[in-house]
Amino acid sequence: MARFRKSYSYGLFDKVGDAFRALRRQGLAAYHPDDLGDSSCCGGCGHSFAQCELEDNPDQKGYVFYHDQDRESGQESGDMYIRFSSRSEGSDADSVAVGNLVAEALRKQGLVVDWDGDPSRAIKVAVSH
């Protein structure tokens, strides 16, 4: 009897995971929905969780994450949003720098990045077709 293996395509979540590992090496906290626990429902809760975590980790420059709704969007459409912030709340320059780090890490994984440089907007990513 022949055994069939479902073919696996290295996709969106794998590439985001690789980018998050690279960002951790650059001093950012990076959270998948499962890392956020009860705070994985939305952007507001995710930002609150990550800001609290920064207080306990003074060496981190900022954070990046996606939440449950982002994951669902990625599963359904193949594109999703990545949220981020710097340690310095209210510092646009620091948040833009973090956003640029995140966008570059995602691009290095072959993802299509749509972000206008506005630190108040999430970064949209998609798998290139």
Protein backbone atom coordinates (compact mmCIF):
# COMPACT_ATOMS: atom_id res chain seq x y z
CA MET A 1 0.00 0.00 0.00
CA ALA A 2 1.43 3.33 -1.05
CA ARG A 3 1.73 6.08 1.52
CA PHE A 4 0.97 9.59 0.47
CA ARG A 5 2.41 12.62 2.14
CA LYS A 6 0.69 15.90 1.86
CA SER A 7 3.11 18.29 0.23
CA TYR A 8 4.14 21.16 2.43
CA SER A 9 4.66 24.64 1.13
CA TYR A 10 6.88 26.95 3.17
CA GLY A 11 4.37 29.72 3.63
CA LEU A 12 3.39 32.91 5.34
CA PHE A 13 3.58 31.77 8.96
CA ASP A 14 6.91 29.98 8.49
CA LYS A 15 8.43 33.08 6.94
CA VAL A 16 7.01 35.36 9.62
CA GLY A 17 8.45 32.98 12.23
CA ASP A 18 11.88 33.19 10.60
CA ALA A 19 11.65 36.99 10.53
CA PHE A 20 10.64 37.04 14.21
CA ARG A 21 13.68 34.91 15.14
CA ALA A 22 15.93 37.39 13.30
CA LEU A 23 14.22 40.32 15.04
CA ARG A 24 14.78 38.73 18.45
CA ARG A 25 18.50 38.61 17.65
CA GLN A 26 18.28 42.35 16.91
CA GLY A 27 16.82 43.15 20.32
CA LEU A 28 13.07 43.11 19.69
CA ALA A 29 10.50 41.01 21.50
CA ALA A 30 8.46 39.04 18.95
CA TYR A 31 5.14 37.42 19.80
CA HIS A 32 2.94 34.97 17.95
CA PRO A 33 -0.70 34.77 19.13
CA ASP A 34 0.06 31.74 21.32
CA ASP A 35 2.73 33.80 23.12
CA LEU A 36 0.19 36.50 23.98
CA GLY A 37 -2.13 34.22 25.98
CA ASP A 38 -5.38 35.96 26.87
CA SER A 39 -4.10 39.09 25.13
CA SER A 40 -4.17 37.54 21.68
CA CYS A 41 -7.68 38.72 20.77
CA CYS A 42 -6.88 42.11 19.23
CA GLY A 43 -4.29 44.80 18.65
CA GLY A 44 -5.07 46.79 21.78
CA CYS A 45 -4.65 43.82 24.08
CA GLY A 46 -1.52 42.70 22.23
CA HIS A 47 0.09 46.14 22.58
CA SER A 48 -0.79 46.23 26.31
CA PHE A 49 0.74 42.78 26.86
CA ALA A 50 3.92 43.65 24.96
CA GLN A 51 4.37 47.00 26.75
CA CYS A 52 4.12 45.24 30.12
CA GLU A 53 6.67 42.67 29.01
CA LEU A 54 9.09 45.45 27.99
CA GLU A 55 9.08 46.72 31.57
CA ASP A 56 10.63 43.40 32.65
CA ASN A 57 13.13 43.33 29.77
CA PRO A 58 15.09 46.60 29.69
CA ASP A 59 17.42 45.42 26.90
CA GLN A 60 14.64 45.14 24.31
CA LYS A 61 14.26 48.06 21.88
CA GLY A 62 10.62 47.33 21.16
CA TYR A 63 8.31 44.59 20.06
CA VAL A 64 6.47 43.04 17.14
CA PHE A 65 3.42 40.77 17.15
CA TYR A 66 0.34 39.54 15.38
CA HIS A 67 -2.88 38.45 17.09
CA ASP A 68 -5.63 35.90 16.52
CA GLN A 69 -7.57 38.04 14.03
CA ASP A 70 -4.37 38.61 12.02
CA ARG A 71 -3.67 34.88 12.02
CA GLU A 72 -7.20 34.14 10.80
CA SER A 73 -6.80 36.69 8.01
CA GLY A 74 -3.51 35.08 7.01
CA GLN A 75 -5.09 31.65 6.92
CA GLU A 76 -8.02 32.85 4.83
CA SER A 77 -6.41 35.28 2.41
CA GLY A 78 -2.65 34.69 2.54
CA ASP A 79 -1.92 38.18 3.81
CA MET A 80 -2.00 39.67 7.29
CA TYR A 81 -0.91 42.55 9.48
CA ILE A 82 2.11 42.73 11.77
CA ARG A 83 1.98 45.22 14.65
CA PHE A 84 4.96 46.83 16.36
CA SER A 85 6.17 49.62 18.62
CA SER A 86 9.35 50.93 20.16
CA ARG A 87 10.14 51.00 23.85
CA SER A 88 9.67 54.79 23.76
CA GLU A 89 5.92 55.32 23.69
CA GLY A 90 5.09 58.46 21.76
CA SER A 91 8.46 58.58 19.99
CA ASP A 92 7.65 58.45 16.30
CA ALA A 93 11.33 58.33 15.30
CA ASP A 94 12.00 55.27 17.49
CA SER A 95 8.83 53.54 16.30
CA VAL A 96 9.69 54.24 12.65
CA ALA A 97 13.11 52.69 13.27
CA VAL A 98 11.48 49.57 14.75
CA GLY A 99 9.01 49.46 11.84
CA ASN A 100 11.88 49.63 9.37
CA LEU A 101 13.66 46.75 11.14
CA VAL A 102 10.48 44.68 11.02
CA ALA A 103 9.75 45.49 7.36
CA GLU A 104 13.32 44.62 6.34
CA ALA A 105 13.28 41.31 8.25
CA LEU A 106 10.01 40.35 6.56
CA ARG A 107 11.35 41.30 3.10
CA LYS A 108 14.46 39.19 3.70
CA GLN A 109 12.11 36.21 4.07
CA GLY A 110 10.65 36.87 0.62
CA LEU A 111 7.41 38.40 1.88
CA VAL A 112 5.73 41.29 0.13
CA VAL A 113 5.62 44.22 2.56
CA ASP A 114 3.13 47.06 2.30
CA TRP A 115 3.91 49.82 4.79
CA ASP A 116 4.02 53.57 4.27
CA GLY A 117 6.40 54.34 7.13
CA ASP A 118 3.65 55.62 9.42
CA PRO A 119 4.42 54.22 12.91
CA SER A 120 0.72 54.24 13.82
CA ARG A 121 -0.10 51.76 11.04
CA ALA A 122 0.46 48.03 11.03
CA ILE A 123 2.64 46.42 8.37
CA LYS A 124 0.74 44.35 5.81
CA VAL A 125 2.58 41.25 4.59
CA ALA A 126 1.77 38.68 1.94
CA VAL A 127 3.46 35.72 0.36
CA SER A 128 4.75 36.68 -3.08
CA HIS A 129 3.02 34.82 -5.87
